[in-house]
Amino acid sequence: MNSLKFEDTAVYYCNGYLKAIGSPPADYWGQGTQVTVFS
């Protein structure tokens, strides 16, 4: 992320559509990480 703006402030979540061994493909989500743009 470059040239960050105040509007970019949010919790960012990673999502993966993947197949685990022994399971059908599915969506998986991370716990989120906070990004805060401030001056």
PDB file of all heavy atoms in Angstrom:
ATOM      1  N   MET A   1       0.845  -1.186   0.000  1.00  0.00           N
ATOM      2  CA  MET A   1       0.000   0.000   0.000  1.00  0.00           C
ATOM      3  C   MET A   1       0.884   1.242   0.000  1.00  0.00           C
ATOM      4  O   MET A   1       1.659   1.455   0.934  1.00  0.00           O
ATOM      5  CB  MET A   1      -0.936   0.000   1.211  1.00  0.00           C
ATOM      6  CG  MET A   1      -1.799  -1.249   1.319  1.00  0.00           C
ATOM      7  SD  MET A   1      -2.980  -1.171   2.695  1.00  0.00           S
ATOM      8  CE  MET A   1      -1.847  -1.180   4.085  1.00  0.00           C
ATOM      9  N   ASN A   2       0.756   2.046  -1.041  1.00  0.00           N
ATOM     10  CA  ASN A   2       1.522   3.276  -1.184  1.00  0.00           C
ATOM     11  C   ASN A   2       0.587   4.478  -1.245  1.00  0.00           C
ATOM     12  O   ASN A   2      -0.607   4.347  -1.495  1.00  0.00           O
ATOM     13  CB  ASN A   2       2.389   3.232  -2.447  1.00  0.00           C
ATOM     14  CG  ASN A   2       3.375   2.088  -2.454  1.00  0.00           C
ATOM     15  OD1 ASN A   2       3.994   1.776  -1.438  1.00  0.00           O
ATOM     16  ND2 ASN A   2       3.548   1.459  -3.614  1.00  0.00           N
ATOM     17  N   SER A   3       1.154   5.655  -1.042  1.00  0.00           N
ATOM     18  CA  SER A   3       0.389   6.906  -1.102  1.00  0.00           C
ATOM     19  C   SER A   3      -0.885   6.813  -0.274  1.00  0.00           C
ATOM     20  O   SER A   3      -1.976   7.165  -0.726  1.00  0.00           O
ATOM     21  CB  SER A   3       0.061   7.254  -2.557  1.00  0.00           C
ATOM     22  OG  SER A   3       1.239   7.384  -3.327  1.00  0.00           O
ATOM     23  N   LEU A   4      -0.745   6.355   0.946  1.00  0.00           N
ATOM     24  CA  LEU A   4      -1.905   6.097   1.795  1.00  0.00           C
ATOM     25  C   LEU A   4      -2.655   7.379   2.138  1.00  0.00           C
ATOM     26  O   LEU A   4      -2.054   8.449   2.318  1.00  0.00           O
ATOM     27  CB  LEU A   4      -1.474   5.373   3.064  1.00  0.00           C
ATOM     28  CG  LEU A   4      -1.186   3.884   2.861  1.00  0.00           C
ATOM     29  CD1 LEU A   4      -0.349   3.334   4.000  1.00  0.00           C
ATOM     30  CD2 LEU A   4      -2.499   3.110   2.739  1.00  0.00           C
ATOM     31  N   LYS A   5      -3.965   7.254   2.209  1.00  0.00           N
ATOM     32  CA  LYS A   5      -4.866   8.360   2.513  1.00  0.00           C
ATOM     33  C   LYS A   5      -5.659   8.056   3.780  1.00  0.00           C
ATOM     34  O   LYS A   5      -5.757   6.906   4.200  1.00  0.00           O
ATOM     35  CB  LYS A   5      -5.844   8.584   1.349  1.00  0.00           C
ATOM     36  CG  LYS A   5      -5.204   8.759  -0.011  1.00  0.00           C
ATOM     37  CD  LYS A   5      -6.266   8.822  -1.091  1.00  0.00           C
ATOM     38  CE  LYS A   5      -5.652   8.997  -2.460  1.00  0.00           C
ATOM     39  NZ  LYS A   5      -6.686   9.035  -3.526  1.00  0.00           N
ATOM     40  N   PHE A   6      -6.248   9.103   4.363  1.00  0.00           N
ATOM     41  CA  PHE A   6      -7.104   8.904   5.531  1.00  0.00           C
ATOM     42  C   PHE A   6      -8.204   7.889   5.240  1.00  0.00           C
ATOM     43  O   PHE A   6      -8.569   7.101   6.123  1.00  0.00           O
ATOM     44  CB  PHE A   6      -7.732  10.228   5.967  1.00  0.00           C
ATOM     45  CG  PHE A   6      -6.759  11.215   6.534  1.00  0.00           C
ATOM     46  CD1 PHE A   6      -6.566  12.438   5.921  1.00  0.00           C
ATOM     47  CD2 PHE A   6      -6.045  10.934   7.691  1.00  0.00           C
ATOM     48  CE1 PHE A   6      -5.678  13.364   6.442  1.00  0.00           C
ATOM     49  CE2 PHE A   6      -5.147  11.851   8.216  1.00  0.00           C
ATOM     50  CZ  PHE A   6      -4.965  13.068   7.591  1.00  0.00           C
ATOM     51  N   GLU A   7      -8.730   7.907   4.026  1.00  0.00           N
ATOM     52  CA  GLU A   7      -9.824   7.020   3.638  1.00  0.00           C
ATOM     53  C   GLU A   7      -9.430   5.550   3.608  1.00  0.00           C
ATOM     54  O   GLU A   7     -10.300   4.680   3.518  1.00  0.00           O
ATOM     55  CB  GLU A   7     -10.373   7.417   2.260  1.00  0.00           C
ATOM     56  CG  GLU A   7     -10.750   8.883   2.144  1.00  0.00           C
ATOM     57  CD  GLU A   7      -9.597   9.731   1.649  1.00  0.00           C
ATOM     58  OE1 GLU A   7      -9.393   9.800   0.419  1.00  0.00           O
ATOM     59  OE2 GLU A   7      -8.894  10.332   2.496  1.00  0.00           O
ATOM     60  N   ASP A   8      -8.138   5.258   3.651  1.00  0.00           N
ATOM     61  CA  ASP A   8      -7.678   3.872   3.662  1.00  0.00           C
ATOM     62  C   ASP A   8      -7.742   3.251   5.054  1.00  0.00           C
ATOM     63  O   ASP A   8      -7.509   2.047   5.208  1.00  0.00           O
ATOM     64  CB  ASP A   8      -6.250   3.773   3.128  1.00  0.00           C
ATOM     65  CG  ASP A   8      -6.142   4.186   1.668  1.00  0.00           C
ATOM     66  OD1 ASP A   8      -7.019   3.806   0.875  1.00  0.00           O
ATOM     67  OD2 ASP A   8      -5.171   4.894   1.329  1.00  0.00           O
ATOM     68  N   THR A   9      -8.028   4.045   6.058  1.00  0.00           N
ATOM     69  CA  THR A   9      -8.120   3.540   7.423  1.00  0.00           C
ATOM     70  C   THR A   9      -9.233   2.502   7.522  1.00  0.00           C
ATOM     71  O   THR A   9     -10.382   2.774   7.185  1.00  0.00           O
ATOM     72  CB  THR A   9      -8.380   4.679   8.415  1.00  0.00           C
ATOM     73  OG1 THR A   9      -7.259   5.567   8.428  1.00  0.00           O
ATOM     74  CG2 THR A   9      -8.595   4.140   9.820  1.00  0.00           C
ATOM     75  N   ALA A  10      -8.887   1.305   7.980  1.00  0.00           N
ATOM     76  CA  ALA A  10      -9.847   0.212   8.065  1.00  0.00           C
ATOM     77  C   ALA A  10      -9.168  -1.007   8.672  1.00  0.00           C
ATOM     78  O   ALA A  10      -7.944  -1.039   8.843  1.00  0.00           O
ATOM     79  CB  ALA A  10     -10.397  -0.144   6.676  1.00  0.00           C
ATOM     80  N   VAL A  11      -9.974  -2.002   8.991  1.00  0.00           N
ATOM     81  CA  VAL A  11      -9.445  -3.324   9.299  1.00  0.00           C
ATOM     82  C   VAL A  11      -9.332  -4.082   7.987  1.00  0.00           C
ATOM     83  O   VAL A  11     -10.304  -4.174   7.230  1.00  0.00           O
ATOM     84  CB  VAL A  11     -10.335  -4.097  10.285  1.00  0.00           C
ATOM     85  CG1 VAL A  11      -9.770  -5.491  10.543  1.00  0.00           C
ATOM     86  CG2 VAL A  11     -10.457  -3.336  11.599  1.00  0.00           C
ATOM     87  N   TYR A  12      -8.162  -4.606   7.707  1.00  0.00           N
ATOM     88  CA  TYR A  12      -7.910  -5.331   6.465  1.00  0.00           C
ATOM     89  C   TYR A  12      -7.913  -6.829   6.735  1.00  0.00           C
ATOM     90  O   TYR A  12      -7.248  -7.311   7.658  1.00  0.00           O
ATOM     91  CB  TYR A  12      -6.574  -4.903   5.859  1.00  0.00           C
ATOM     92  CG  TYR A  12      -6.631  -3.547   5.201  1.00  0.00           C
ATOM     93  CD1 TYR A  12      -6.743  -2.390   5.962  1.00  0.00           C
ATOM     94  CD2 TYR A  12      -6.605  -3.421   3.809  1.00  0.00           C
ATOM     95  CE1 TYR A  12      -6.822  -1.148   5.369  1.00  0.00           C
ATOM     96  CE2 TYR A  12      -6.677  -2.178   3.207  1.00  0.00           C
ATOM     97  CZ  TYR A  12      -6.787  -1.048   3.987  1.00  0.00           C
ATOM     98  OH  TYR A  12      -6.861   0.187   3.384  1.00  0.00           O
ATOM     99  N   TYR A  13      -8.668  -7.560   5.905  1.00  0.00           N
ATOM    100  CA  TYR A  13      -8.823  -8.992   6.058  1.00  0.00           C
ATOM    101  C   TYR A  13      -8.284  -9.732   4.846  1.00  0.00           C
ATOM    102  O   TYR A  13      -8.543  -9.342   3.710  1.00  0.00           O
ATOM    103  CB  TYR A  13     -10.293  -9.374   6.230  1.00  0.00           C
ATOM    104  CG  TYR A  13     -10.952  -8.805   7.467  1.00  0.00           C
ATOM    105  CD1 TYR A  13     -11.585  -7.578   7.438  1.00  0.00           C
ATOM    106  CD2 TYR A  13     -10.943  -9.520   8.662  1.00  0.00           C
ATOM    107  CE1 TYR A  13     -12.195  -7.059   8.565  1.00  0.00           C
ATOM    108  CE2 TYR A  13     -11.551  -9.007   9.793  1.00  0.00           C
ATOM    109  CZ  TYR A  13     -12.174  -7.782   9.741  1.00  0.00           C
ATOM    110  OH  TYR A  13     -12.782  -7.273  10.861  1.00  0.00           O
ATOM    111  N   CYS A  14      -7.578 -10.803   5.087  1.00  0.00           N
ATOM    112  CA  CYS A  14      -7.116 -11.685   4.028  1.00  0.00           C
ATOM    113  C   CYS A  14      -8.149 -12.777   3.795  1.00  0.00           C
ATOM    114  O   CYS A  14      -8.712 -13.326   4.750  1.00  0.00           O
ATOM    115  CB  CYS A  14      -5.773 -12.307   4.416  1.00  0.00           C
ATOM    116  SG  CYS A  14      -5.131 -13.502   3.222  1.00  0.00           S
ATOM    117  N   ASN A  15      -8.411 -13.078   2.537  1.00  0.00           N
ATOM    118  CA  ASN A  15      -9.325 -14.148   2.156  1.00  0.00           C
ATOM    119  C   ASN A  15      -8.640 -15.080   1.169  1.00  0.00           C
ATOM    120  O   ASN A  15      -7.984 -14.627   0.235  1.00  0.00           O
ATOM    121  CB  ASN A  15     -10.595 -13.574   1.530  1.00  0.00           C
ATOM    122  CG  ASN A  15     -11.431 -14.637   0.826  1.00  0.00           C
ATOM    123  OD1 ASN A  15     -11.342 -14.806  -0.398  1.00  0.00           O
ATOM    124  ND2 ASN A  15     -12.238 -15.346   1.593  1.00  0.00           N
ATOM    125  N   GLY A  16      -8.807 -16.363   1.380  1.00  0.00           N
ATOM    126  CA  GLY A  16      -8.269 -17.340   0.455  1.00  0.00           C
ATOM    127  C   GLY A  16      -9.334 -18.339   0.052  1.00  0.00           C
ATOM    128  O   GLY A  16     -10.050 -18.867   0.907  1.00  0.00           O
ATOM    129  N   TYR A  17      -9.457 -18.566  -1.253  1.00  0.00           N
ATOM    130  CA  TYR A  17     -10.302 -19.651  -1.744  1.00  0.00           C
ATOM    131  C   TYR A  17      -9.355 -20.798  -2.077  1.00  0.00           C
ATOM    132  O   TYR A  17      -8.536 -20.685  -2.993  1.00  0.00           O
ATOM    133  CB  TYR A  17     -11.107 -19.226  -2.965  1.00  0.00           C
ATOM    134  CG  TYR A  17     -12.048 -20.298  -3.456  1.00  0.00           C
ATOM    135  CD1 TYR A  17     -13.158 -20.664  -2.706  1.00  0.00           C
ATOM    136  CD2 TYR A  17     -11.830 -20.948  -4.670  1.00  0.00           C
ATOM    137  CE1 TYR A  17     -14.021 -21.652  -3.140  1.00  0.00           C
ATOM    138  CE2 TYR A  17     -12.691 -21.940  -5.108  1.00  0.00           C
ATOM    139  CZ  TYR A  17     -13.790 -22.290  -4.342  1.00  0.00           C
ATOM    140  OH  TYR A  17     -14.645 -23.266  -4.774  1.00  0.00           O
ATOM    141  N   LEU A  18      -9.452 -21.870  -1.311  1.00  0.00           N
ATOM    142  CA  LEU A  18      -8.466 -22.930  -1.426  1.00  0.00           C
ATOM    143  C   LEU A  18      -9.075 -24.281  -1.114  1.00  0.00           C
ATOM    144  O   LEU A  18     -10.173 -24.383  -0.580  1.00  0.00           O
ATOM    145  CB  LEU A  18      -7.279 -22.648  -0.494  1.00  0.00           C
ATOM    146  CG  LEU A  18      -7.575 -22.484   0.999  1.00  0.00           C
ATOM    147  CD1 LEU A  18      -7.597 -23.833   1.719  1.00  0.00           C
ATOM    148  CD2 LEU A  18      -6.534 -21.569   1.644  1.00  0.00           C
ATOM    149  N   LYS A  19      -8.318 -25.304  -1.454  1.00  0.00           N
ATOM    150  CA  LYS A  19      -8.708 -26.660  -1.129  1.00  0.00           C
ATOM    151  C   LYS A  19      -7.749 -27.212  -0.091  1.00  0.00           C
ATOM    152  O   LYS A  19      -6.537 -27.252  -0.317  1.00  0.00           O
ATOM    153  CB  LYS A  19      -8.700 -27.555  -2.368  1.00  0.00           C
ATOM    154  CG  LYS A  19      -9.013 -29.015  -2.049  1.00  0.00           C
ATOM    155  CD  LYS A  19      -9.158 -29.856  -3.302  1.00  0.00           C
ATOM    156  CE  LYS A  19      -9.164 -31.346  -2.967  1.00  0.00           C
ATOM    157  NZ  LYS A  19     -10.114 -31.696  -1.887  1.00  0.00           N
ATOM    158  N   ALA A  20      -8.294 -27.625   1.027  1.00  0.00           N
ATOM    159  CA  ALA A  20      -7.526 -28.329   2.037  1.00  0.00           C
ATOM    160  C   ALA A  20      -7.557 -29.821   1.745  1.00  0.00           C
ATOM    161  O   ALA A  20      -8.522 -30.336   1.181  1.00  0.00           O
ATOM    162  CB  ALA A  20      -8.085 -28.053   3.429  1.00  0.00           C
ATOM    163  N   ILE A  21      -6.500 -30.505   2.108  1.00  0.00           N
ATOM    164  CA  ILE A  21      -6.455 -31.950   1.909  1.00  0.00           C
ATOM    165  C   ILE A  21      -7.589 -32.606   2.683  1.00  0.00           C
ATOM    166  O   ILE A  21      -7.757 -32.376   3.883  1.00  0.00           O
ATOM    167  CB  ILE A  21      -5.097 -32.514   2.352  1.00  0.00           C
ATOM    168  CG1 ILE A  21      -3.974 -31.936   1.490  1.00  0.00           C
ATOM    169  CG2 ILE A  21      -5.101 -34.035   2.267  1.00  0.00           C
ATOM    170  CD1 ILE A  21      -2.589 -32.312   1.953  1.00  0.00           C
ATOM    171  N   GLY A  22      -8.394 -33.393   1.972  1.00  0.00           N
ATOM    172  CA  GLY A  22      -9.505 -34.087   2.601  1.00  0.00           C
ATOM    173  C   GLY A  22     -10.785 -33.290   2.697  1.00  0.00           C
ATOM    174  O   GLY A  22     -11.768 -33.773   3.268  1.00  0.00           O
ATOM    175  N   SER A  23     -10.797 -32.073   2.150  1.00  0.00           N
ATOM    176  CA  SER A  23     -11.964 -31.207   2.203  1.00  0.00           C
ATOM    177  C   SER A  23     -12.212 -30.579   0.842  1.00  0.00           C
ATOM    178  O   SER A  23     -11.284 -30.416   0.051  1.00  0.00           O
ATOM    179  CB  SER A  23     -11.776 -30.104   3.249  1.00  0.00           C
ATOM    180  OG  SER A  23     -11.560 -30.650   4.536  1.00  0.00           O
ATOM    181  N   PRO A  24     -13.463 -30.201   0.547  1.00  0.00           N
ATOM    182  CA  PRO A  24     -13.745 -29.513  -0.715  1.00  0.00           C
ATOM    183  C   PRO A  24     -13.242 -28.074  -0.672  1.00  0.00           C
ATOM    184  O   PRO A  24     -12.978 -27.539   0.415  1.00  0.00           O
ATOM    185  CB  PRO A  24     -15.277 -29.564  -0.799  1.00  0.00           C
ATOM    186  CG  PRO A  24     -15.723 -29.624   0.624  1.00  0.00           C
ATOM    187  CD  PRO A  24     -14.681 -30.455   1.329  1.00  0.00           C
ATOM    188  N   PRO A  25     -13.101 -27.434  -1.839  1.00  0.00           N
ATOM    189  CA  PRO A  25     -12.668 -26.028  -1.847  1.00  0.00           C
ATOM    190  C   PRO A  25     -13.619 -25.164  -1.033  1.00  0.00           C
ATOM    191  O   PRO A  25     -14.834 -25.384  -1.011  1.00  0.00           O
ATOM    192  CB  PRO A  25     -12.713 -25.656  -3.336  1.00  0.00           C
ATOM    193  CG  PRO A  25     -12.563 -26.959  -4.055  1.00  0.00           C
ATOM    194  CD  PRO A  25     -13.284 -27.958  -3.208  1.00  0.00           C
ATOM    195  N   ALA A  26     -13.068 -24.155  -0.379  1.00  0.00           N
ATOM    196  CA  ALA A  26     -13.862 -23.270   0.459  1.00  0.00           C
ATOM    197  C   ALA A  26     -13.119 -21.969   0.708  1.00  0.00           C
ATOM    198  O   ALA A  26     -11.918 -21.869   0.467  1.00  0.00           O
ATOM    199  CB  ALA A  26     -14.195 -23.941   1.786  1.00  0.00           C
ATOM    200  N   ASP A  27     -13.867 -20.968   1.182  1.00  0.00           N
ATOM    201  CA  ASP A  27     -13.291 -19.695   1.578  1.00  0.00           C
ATOM    202  C   ASP A  27     -12.773 -19.760   3.006  1.00  0.00           C
ATOM    203  O   ASP A  27     -13.427 -20.311   3.891  1.00  0.00           O
ATOM    204  CB  ASP A  27     -14.325 -18.576   1.487  1.00  0.00           C
ATOM    205  CG  ASP A  27     -14.460 -18.008   0.091  1.00  0.00           C
ATOM    206  OD1 ASP A  27     -13.429 -17.603  -0.484  1.00  0.00           O
ATOM    207  OD2 ASP A  27     -15.606 -17.956  -0.418  1.00  0.00           O
ATOM    208  N   TYR A  28     -11.608 -19.148   3.226  1.00  0.00           N
ATOM    209  CA  TYR A  28     -11.037 -19.026   4.553  1.00  0.00           C
ATOM    210  C   TYR A  28     -10.677 -17.573   4.790  1.00  0.00           C
ATOM    211  O   TYR A  28     -10.290 -16.859   3.865  1.00  0.00           O
ATOM    212  CB  TYR A  28      -9.798 -19.911   4.711  1.00  0.00           C
ATOM    213  CG  TYR A  28     -10.098 -21.391   4.647  1.00  0.00           C
ATOM    214  CD1 TYR A  28     -10.218 -22.040   3.429  1.00  0.00           C
ATOM    215  CD2 TYR A  28     -10.267 -22.136   5.811  1.00  0.00           C
ATOM    216  CE1 TYR A  28     -10.503 -23.397   3.360  1.00  0.00           C
ATOM    217  CE2 TYR A  28     -10.552 -23.489   5.748  1.00  0.00           C
ATOM    218  CZ  TYR A  28     -10.665 -24.113   4.528  1.00  0.00           C
ATOM    219  OH  TYR A  28     -10.952 -25.462   4.467  1.00  0.00           O
ATOM    220  N   TRP A  29     -10.788 -17.143   6.040  1.00  0.00           N
ATOM    221  CA  TRP A  29     -10.564 -15.742   6.401  1.00  0.00           C
ATOM    222  C   TRP A  29      -9.551 -15.613   7.522  1.00  0.00           C
ATOM    223  O   TRP A  29      -9.495 -16.440   8.432  1.00  0.00           O
ATOM    224  CB  TRP A  29     -11.876 -15.086   6.852  1.00  0.00           C
ATOM    225  CG  TRP A  29     -12.868 -14.912   5.754  1.00  0.00           C
ATOM    226  CD1 TRP A  29     -13.801 -15.807   5.338  1.00  0.00           C
ATOM    227  CD2 TRP A  29     -13.022 -13.757   4.927  1.00  0.00           C
ATOM    228  NE1 TRP A  29     -14.537 -15.282   4.302  1.00  0.00           N
ATOM    229  CE2 TRP A  29     -14.080 -14.030   4.033  1.00  0.00           C
ATOM    230  CE3 TRP A  29     -12.370 -12.520   4.864  1.00  0.00           C
ATOM    231  CZ2 TRP A  29     -14.505 -13.110   3.079  1.00  0.00           C
ATOM    232  CZ3 TRP A  29     -12.782 -11.602   3.917  1.00  0.00           C
ATOM    233  CH2 TRP A  29     -13.840 -11.898   3.040  1.00  0.00           C
ATOM    234  N   GLY A  30      -8.764 -14.552   7.442  1.00  0.00           N
ATOM    235  CA  GLY A  30      -7.876 -14.203   8.523  1.00  0.00           C
ATOM    236  C   GLY A  30      -8.595 -13.400   9.586  1.00  0.00           C
ATOM    237  O   GLY A  30      -9.780 -13.059   9.451  1.00  0.00           O
ATOM    238  N   GLN A  31      -7.887 -13.077  10.648  1.00  0.00           N
ATOM    239  CA  GLN A  31      -8.495 -12.385  11.788  1.00  0.00           C
ATOM    240  C   GLN A  31      -8.568 -10.877  11.601  1.00  0.00           C
ATOM    241  O   GLN A  31      -9.279 -10.202  12.348  1.00  0.00           O
ATOM    242  CB  GLN A  31      -7.708 -12.703  13.067  1.00  0.00           C
ATOM    243  CG  GLN A  31      -6.442 -11.877  13.274  1.00  0.00           C
ATOM    244  CD  GLN A  31      -5.303 -12.239  12.343  1.00  0.00           C
ATOM    245  OE1 GLN A  31      -5.352 -13.232  11.617  1.00  0.00           O
ATOM    246  NE2 GLN A  31      -4.249 -11.427  12.369  1.00  0.00           N
ATOM    247  N   GLY A  32      -7.857 -10.348  10.624  1.00  0.00           N
ATOM    248  CA  GLY A  32      -7.856  -8.921  10.354  1.00  0.00           C
ATOM    249  C   GLY A  32      -6.683  -8.211  10.998  1.00  0.00           C
ATOM    250  O   GLY A  32      -6.184  -8.617  12.048  1.00  0.00           O
ATOM    251  N   THR A  33      -6.238  -7.141  10.355  1.00  0.00           N
ATOM    252  CA  THR A  33      -5.185  -6.297  10.897  1.00  0.00           C
ATOM    253  C   THR A  33      -5.558  -4.836  10.684  1.00  0.00           C
ATOM    254  O   THR A  33      -6.028  -4.451   9.612  1.00  0.00           O
ATOM    255  CB  THR A  33      -3.815  -6.630  10.262  1.00  0.00           C
ATOM    256  OG1 THR A  33      -2.785  -5.865  10.896  1.00  0.00           O
ATOM    257  CG2 THR A  33      -3.808  -6.347   8.758  1.00  0.00           C
ATOM    258  N   GLN A  34      -5.377  -4.025  11.707  1.00  0.00           N
ATOM    259  CA  GLN A  34      -5.796  -2.626  11.676  1.00  0.00           C
ATOM    260  C   GLN A  34      -4.771  -1.767  10.957  1.00  0.00           C
ATOM    261  O   GLN A  34      -3.572  -1.824  11.252  1.00  0.00           O
ATOM    262  CB  GLN A  34      -6.007  -2.098  13.098  1.00  0.00           C
ATOM    263  CG  GLN A  34      -6.373  -0.618  13.171  1.00  0.00           C
ATOM    264  CD  GLN A  34      -7.766  -0.329  12.668  1.00  0.00           C
ATOM    265  OE1 GLN A  34      -8.720  -1.004  13.056  1.00  0.00           O
ATOM    266  NE2 GLN A  34      -7.888   0.673  11.800  1.00  0.00           N
ATOM    267  N   VAL A  35      -5.249  -0.964  10.013  1.00  0.00           N
ATOM    268  CA  VAL A  35      -4.437   0.052   9.350  1.00  0.00           C
ATOM    269  C   VAL A  35      -5.045   1.410   9.659  1.00  0.00           C
ATOM    270  O   VAL A  35      -6.221   1.647   9.378  1.00  0.00           O
ATOM    271  CB  VAL A  35      -4.378  -0.162   7.827  1.00  0.00           C
ATOM    272  CG1 VAL A  35      -3.695   1.024   7.145  1.00  0.00           C
ATOM    273  CG2 VAL A  35      -3.656  -1.456   7.501  1.00  0.00           C
ATOM    274  N   THR A  36      -4.254   2.285  10.251  1.00  0.00           N
ATOM    275  CA  THR A  36      -4.729   3.611  10.612  1.00  0.00           C
ATOM    276  C   THR A  36      -3.820   4.661   9.988  1.00  0.00           C
ATOM    277  O   THR A  36      -2.619   4.697  10.269  1.00  0.00           O
ATOM    278  CB  THR A  36      -4.767   3.808  12.132  1.00  0.00           C
ATOM    279  OG1 THR A  36      -5.617   2.820  12.724  1.00  0.00           O
ATOM    280  CG2 THR A  36      -5.286   5.187  12.490  1.00  0.00           C
ATOM    281  N   VAL A  37      -4.395   5.498   9.137  1.00  0.00           N
ATOM    282  CA  VAL A  37      -3.670   6.592   8.498  1.00  0.00           C
ATOM    283  C   VAL A  37      -4.018   7.874   9.252  1.00  0.00           C
ATOM    284  O   VAL A  37      -5.190   8.231   9.354  1.00  0.00           O
ATOM    285  CB  VAL A  37      -4.029   6.722   7.016  1.00  0.00           C
ATOM    286  CG1 VAL A  37      -3.189   7.815   6.357  1.00  0.00           C
ATOM    287  CG2 VAL A  37      -3.822   5.392   6.299  1.00  0.00           C
ATOM    288  N   PHE A  38      -3.004   8.549   9.785  1.00  0.00           N
ATOM    289  CA  PHE A  38      -3.245   9.704  10.636  1.00  0.00           C
ATOM    290  C   PHE A  38      -2.144  10.736  10.457  1.00  0.00           C
ATOM    291  O   PHE A  38      -1.056  10.434   9.965  1.00  0.00           O
ATOM    292  CB  PHE A  38      -3.296   9.268  12.104  1.00  0.00           C
ATOM    293  CG  PHE A  38      -1.948   8.913  12.676  1.00  0.00           C
ATOM    294  CD1 PHE A  38      -1.274   9.787  13.521  1.00  0.00           C
ATOM    295  CD2 PHE A  38      -1.346   7.710  12.364  1.00  0.00           C
ATOM    296  CE1 PHE A  38      -0.030   9.470  14.046  1.00  0.00           C
ATOM    297  CE2 PHE A  38      -0.103   7.371  12.884  1.00  0.00           C
ATOM    298  CZ  PHE A  38       0.554   8.254  13.725  1.00  0.00           C
ATOM    299  N   SER A  39      -2.431  11.930  10.837  1.00  0.00           N
ATOM    300  CA  SER A  39      -1.455  13.017  10.861  1.00  0.00           C
ATOM    301  C   SER A  39      -1.459  13.726  12.195  1.00  0.00           C
ATOM    302  O   SER A  39      -0.566  14.509  12.491  1.00  0.00           O
ATOM    303  CB  SER A  39      -1.739  14.007   9.731  1.00  0.00           C
ATOM    304  OG  SER A  39      -3.007  14.609   9.894  1.00  0.00           O
TER     305      SER A  39
END
